[in-house]
């Protein structure tokens, strides 16, 4: 039997940004299997920006370290679009290691939250996704 929040979670639209194709496939499968959430994929921040200009997403889960446009540059660009949608869009960075000063900088430029990726924190992701429903 599904939990009530799972029925609501499946209505969320998630953008997953990562340059690693294996991570993309695993995350897309995991979000669908664990939370019944479909996910769109982008391989770098620049592609994510193009997708955000054409689609409405409820949540962005983004790798920090990517070629072309990294997560930090992408957050700055998303917040620079202006308007309440881009200002309030939840952006969660996931990373295996991060320093306190980097967390502080990411929060200052507009990161909403972060999760550790080794092992990936699906319980933490579930909590972050539920925040989108409030």
Protein backbone atom coordinates (compact mmCIF):
# COMPACT_ATOMS: atom_id res chain seq x y z
CA UNK A 1 0.00 0.00 0.00
CA UNK A 2 1.32 3.45 -0.90
CA UNK A 3 1.84 6.10 1.72
CA UNK A 4 -0.28 9.26 1.17
CA UNK A 5 2.80 11.41 0.48
CA UNK A 6 3.94 9.00 -2.25
CA UNK A 7 0.76 9.67 -4.17
CA UNK A 8 1.57 13.34 -4.01
CA UNK A 9 5.28 12.87 -4.71
CA UNK A 10 4.54 11.23 -8.04
CA UNK A 11 3.12 14.55 -9.23
CA UNK A 12 6.48 16.28 -8.81
CA UNK A 13 8.62 17.00 -11.84
CA UNK A 14 12.34 16.51 -11.12
CA UNK A 15 15.36 17.56 -13.16
CA UNK A 16 18.47 15.49 -12.47
CA UNK A 17 21.74 17.04 -13.65
CA UNK A 18 24.86 14.87 -13.85
CA UNK A 19 27.48 14.30 -16.54
CA UNK A 20 27.81 10.60 -15.66
CA UNK A 21 25.43 8.51 -17.79
CA UNK A 22 25.47 5.62 -15.32
CA UNK A 23 24.46 7.96 -12.47
CA UNK A 24 21.70 9.35 -14.70
CA UNK A 25 20.29 5.90 -15.41
CA UNK A 26 20.55 4.79 -11.77
CA UNK A 27 18.91 7.96 -10.44
CA UNK A 28 16.10 7.92 -13.00
CA UNK A 29 15.40 4.27 -12.17
CA UNK A 30 15.67 4.85 -8.41
CA UNK A 31 13.36 7.87 -8.37
CA UNK A 32 10.78 5.95 -10.36
CA UNK A 33 11.11 2.78 -8.28
CA UNK A 34 11.39 4.33 -4.80
CA UNK A 35 9.10 7.35 -5.15
CA UNK A 36 7.14 6.78 -8.38
CA UNK A 37 8.64 10.02 -9.74
CA UNK A 38 9.58 10.47 -13.37
CA UNK A 39 12.72 12.50 -13.95
CA UNK A 40 14.21 14.49 -16.81
CA UNK A 41 17.97 14.27 -17.31
CA UNK A 42 20.60 16.86 -18.21
CA UNK A 43 24.31 16.15 -18.60
CA UNK A 44 25.58 19.57 -17.47
CA UNK A 45 24.45 22.91 -16.11
CA UNK A 46 24.16 24.54 -19.53
CA UNK A 47 21.70 21.90 -20.74
CA UNK A 48 19.83 22.19 -17.43
CA UNK A 49 19.40 25.93 -18.00
CA UNK A 50 17.96 25.32 -21.47
CA UNK A 51 15.54 22.77 -20.03
CA UNK A 52 14.50 25.12 -17.22
CA UNK A 53 13.69 27.80 -19.78
CA UNK A 54 11.25 25.43 -21.49
CA UNK A 55 9.81 23.29 -18.67
CA UNK A 56 8.53 23.84 -15.16
CA UNK A 57 10.24 21.66 -12.56
CA UNK A 58 9.47 21.27 -8.88
CA UNK A 59 12.95 20.19 -7.86
CA UNK A 60 16.49 20.15 -9.26
CA UNK A 61 19.00 17.56 -8.08
CA UNK A 62 22.45 18.50 -9.36
CA UNK A 63 25.99 17.22 -9.26
CA UNK A 64 28.43 19.92 -8.23
CA UNK A 65 31.40 18.92 -10.35
CA UNK A 66 30.61 18.74 -14.07
CA UNK A 67 32.27 19.90 -17.29
CA UNK A 68 30.84 22.66 -19.51
CA UNK A 69 28.93 24.33 -16.62
CA UNK A 70 29.34 23.06 -13.06
CA UNK A 71 26.71 23.08 -10.36
CA UNK A 72 27.91 26.33 -8.79
CA UNK A 73 27.76 28.19 -12.12
CA UNK A 74 24.36 26.66 -12.87
CA UNK A 75 22.90 27.76 -9.53
CA UNK A 76 24.08 31.32 -10.14
CA UNK A 77 22.57 31.30 -13.64
CA UNK A 78 19.24 29.82 -12.47
CA UNK A 79 18.86 32.41 -9.72
CA UNK A 80 19.85 35.17 -12.20
CA UNK A 81 16.84 34.34 -14.40
CA UNK A 82 14.82 36.28 -11.83
CA UNK A 83 11.18 35.94 -10.89
CA UNK A 84 9.68 33.97 -8.04
CA UNK A 85 9.82 30.59 -9.82
CA UNK A 86 13.60 30.73 -10.35
CA UNK A 87 14.19 32.33 -6.95
CA UNK A 88 12.24 29.66 -5.09
CA UNK A 89 13.03 26.56 -7.16
CA UNK A 90 14.55 23.97 -4.78
CA UNK A 91 18.08 23.13 -5.92
CA UNK A 92 19.75 20.26 -4.11
CA UNK A 93 23.43 19.61 -4.75
CA UNK A 94 24.73 16.11 -4.22
CA UNK A 95 28.37 15.37 -3.66
CA UNK A 96 30.62 12.78 -2.05
CA UNK A 97 32.84 15.26 -0.17
CA UNK A 98 32.34 18.91 0.64
CA UNK A 99 34.01 21.46 2.91
CA UNK A 100 32.08 23.71 5.30
CA UNK A 101 33.23 26.87 3.47
CA UNK A 102 31.96 25.44 0.18
CA UNK A 103 28.57 24.65 1.74
CA UNK A 104 28.39 28.24 2.99
CA UNK A 105 29.26 29.62 -0.46
CA UNK A 106 26.69 27.39 -2.17
CA UNK A 107 23.97 28.52 0.25
CA UNK A 108 24.89 32.15 -0.38
CA UNK A 109 24.49 31.74 -4.15
CA UNK A 110 21.17 29.93 -3.85
CA UNK A 111 21.59 26.23 -3.12
CA UNK A 112 18.60 25.01 -1.13
CA UNK A 113 20.17 21.86 0.31
CA UNK A 114 22.81 19.20 -0.26
CA UNK A 115 23.01 15.44 0.06
CA UNK A 116 25.92 13.08 0.24
CA UNK A 117 26.23 10.76 -2.72
CA UNK A 118 28.42 7.95 -1.37
CA UNK A 119 26.35 6.11 -0.43
CA UNK A 120 23.48 8.11 -1.87
CA UNK A 121 21.14 9.41 0.81
CA UNK A 122 17.67 8.40 -0.44
CA UNK A 123 16.12 9.08 2.96
CA UNK A 124 17.48 12.61 2.81
CA UNK A 125 16.23 12.99 -0.77
CA UNK A 126 12.78 11.84 0.33
CA UNK A 127 12.74 14.56 3.01
CA UNK A 128 13.85 17.22 0.48
CA UNK A 129 11.18 16.12 -2.01
CA UNK A 130 8.47 16.27 0.67
CA UNK A 131 9.47 19.88 1.38
CA UNK A 132 8.43 20.70 -2.19
CA UNK A 133 4.88 19.70 -1.36
CA UNK A 134 4.47 22.30 1.37
